């Protein structure tokens, strides 16, 4: 079963938010994108979920997967 992905998205009030896929509210907000990325990456690693970073315009910049899938061993983006 696939776990919900964790997204770093631009916050409408400025800064960056970390949101779970399908959530209406952010789990946490940050002033700096890099701080949001560090927080979200740790969540994704701990939960074995996909990690998605968005650009300021909302489009996807990069993805990384921490899901355990033997067919994808070593197939990670290093962003």
Protein backbone atom coordinates (compact mmCIF):
# COMPACT_ATOMS: atom_id res chain seq x y z
CA UNK A 1 0.00 0.00 0.00
CA UNK A 2 1.34 3.40 -0.98
CA UNK A 3 1.58 5.95 1.80
CA UNK A 4 0.54 9.54 1.19
CA UNK A 5 3.27 11.76 -0.15
CA UNK A 6 4.69 14.77 1.66
CA UNK A 7 4.82 18.06 -0.30
CA UNK A 8 6.77 21.29 0.16
CA UNK A 9 4.51 23.96 -1.35
CA UNK A 10 4.47 27.76 -1.50
CA UNK A 11 2.32 29.20 1.29
CA UNK A 12 -0.30 31.74 0.14
CA UNK A 13 0.70 33.99 3.05
CA UNK A 14 4.41 33.82 2.21
CA UNK A 15 7.04 31.25 3.01
CA UNK A 16 6.66 27.51 2.50
CA UNK A 17 4.34 24.86 3.88
CA UNK A 18 4.66 21.12 4.37
CA UNK A 19 1.47 19.26 3.47
CA UNK A 20 0.44 15.64 3.27
CA UNK A 21 -1.17 14.58 0.01
CA UNK A 22 -4.91 15.29 0.18
CA UNK A 23 -4.69 17.44 3.33
CA UNK A 24 -6.54 20.74 3.35
CA UNK A 25 -4.15 22.30 5.88
CA UNK A 26 -0.39 22.39 6.19
CA UNK A 27 1.25 20.39 8.95
CA UNK A 28 3.88 23.10 9.39
CA UNK A 29 4.90 26.45 7.83
CA UNK A 30 8.42 27.81 7.33
CA UNK A 31 9.88 31.14 6.24
CA UNK A 32 12.68 29.43 4.31
CA UNK A 33 12.17 26.76 1.66
CA UNK A 34 15.29 24.87 2.77
CA UNK A 35 13.92 24.51 6.32
CA UNK A 36 10.66 23.10 4.92
CA UNK A 37 12.61 20.67 2.72
CA UNK A 38 14.64 19.34 5.65
CA UNK A 39 11.50 18.86 7.77
CA UNK A 40 9.50 17.20 4.98
CA UNK A 41 12.36 14.93 3.89
CA UNK A 42 12.66 13.59 7.45
CA UNK A 43 8.92 12.90 7.60
CA UNK A 44 9.05 11.10 4.25
CA UNK A 45 12.02 8.98 5.31
CA UNK A 46 10.39 8.04 8.62
CA UNK A 47 7.08 7.13 6.97
CA UNK A 48 8.51 5.50 3.85
CA UNK A 49 6.62 7.94 1.64
CA UNK A 50 7.20 9.94 -1.52
CA UNK A 51 8.69 13.43 -1.09
CA UNK A 52 7.74 16.22 -3.53
CA UNK A 53 9.22 19.73 -3.77
CA UNK A 54 7.25 22.40 -5.63
CA UNK A 55 8.42 25.62 -7.29
CA UNK A 56 7.07 29.05 -6.27
CA UNK A 57 4.47 28.77 -9.07
CA UNK A 58 3.23 25.46 -7.62
CA UNK A 59 4.61 23.17 -10.34
CA UNK A 60 6.68 20.18 -9.29
CA UNK A 61 10.42 20.79 -9.08
CA UNK A 62 11.56 17.33 -7.94
CA UNK A 63 10.42 14.06 -6.38
CA UNK A 64 12.12 11.47 -4.25
CA UNK A 65 10.74 8.19 -2.98
CA UNK A 66 11.48 6.63 0.37
CA UNK A 67 8.97 3.81 -0.17
CA UNK A 68 10.45 0.36 0.21
CA UNK A 69 10.21 -1.20 -3.24
CA UNK A 70 12.83 -3.82 -4.09
CA UNK A 71 12.42 -3.02 -7.80
CA UNK A 72 13.49 0.59 -7.21
CA UNK A 73 16.51 -0.01 -5.00
CA UNK A 74 18.93 2.86 -5.49
CA UNK A 75 16.51 4.70 -7.79
CA UNK A 76 16.33 8.01 -5.89
CA UNK A 77 16.67 11.62 -6.97
CA UNK A 78 19.31 13.33 -4.88
CA UNK A 79 18.01 16.88 -4.50
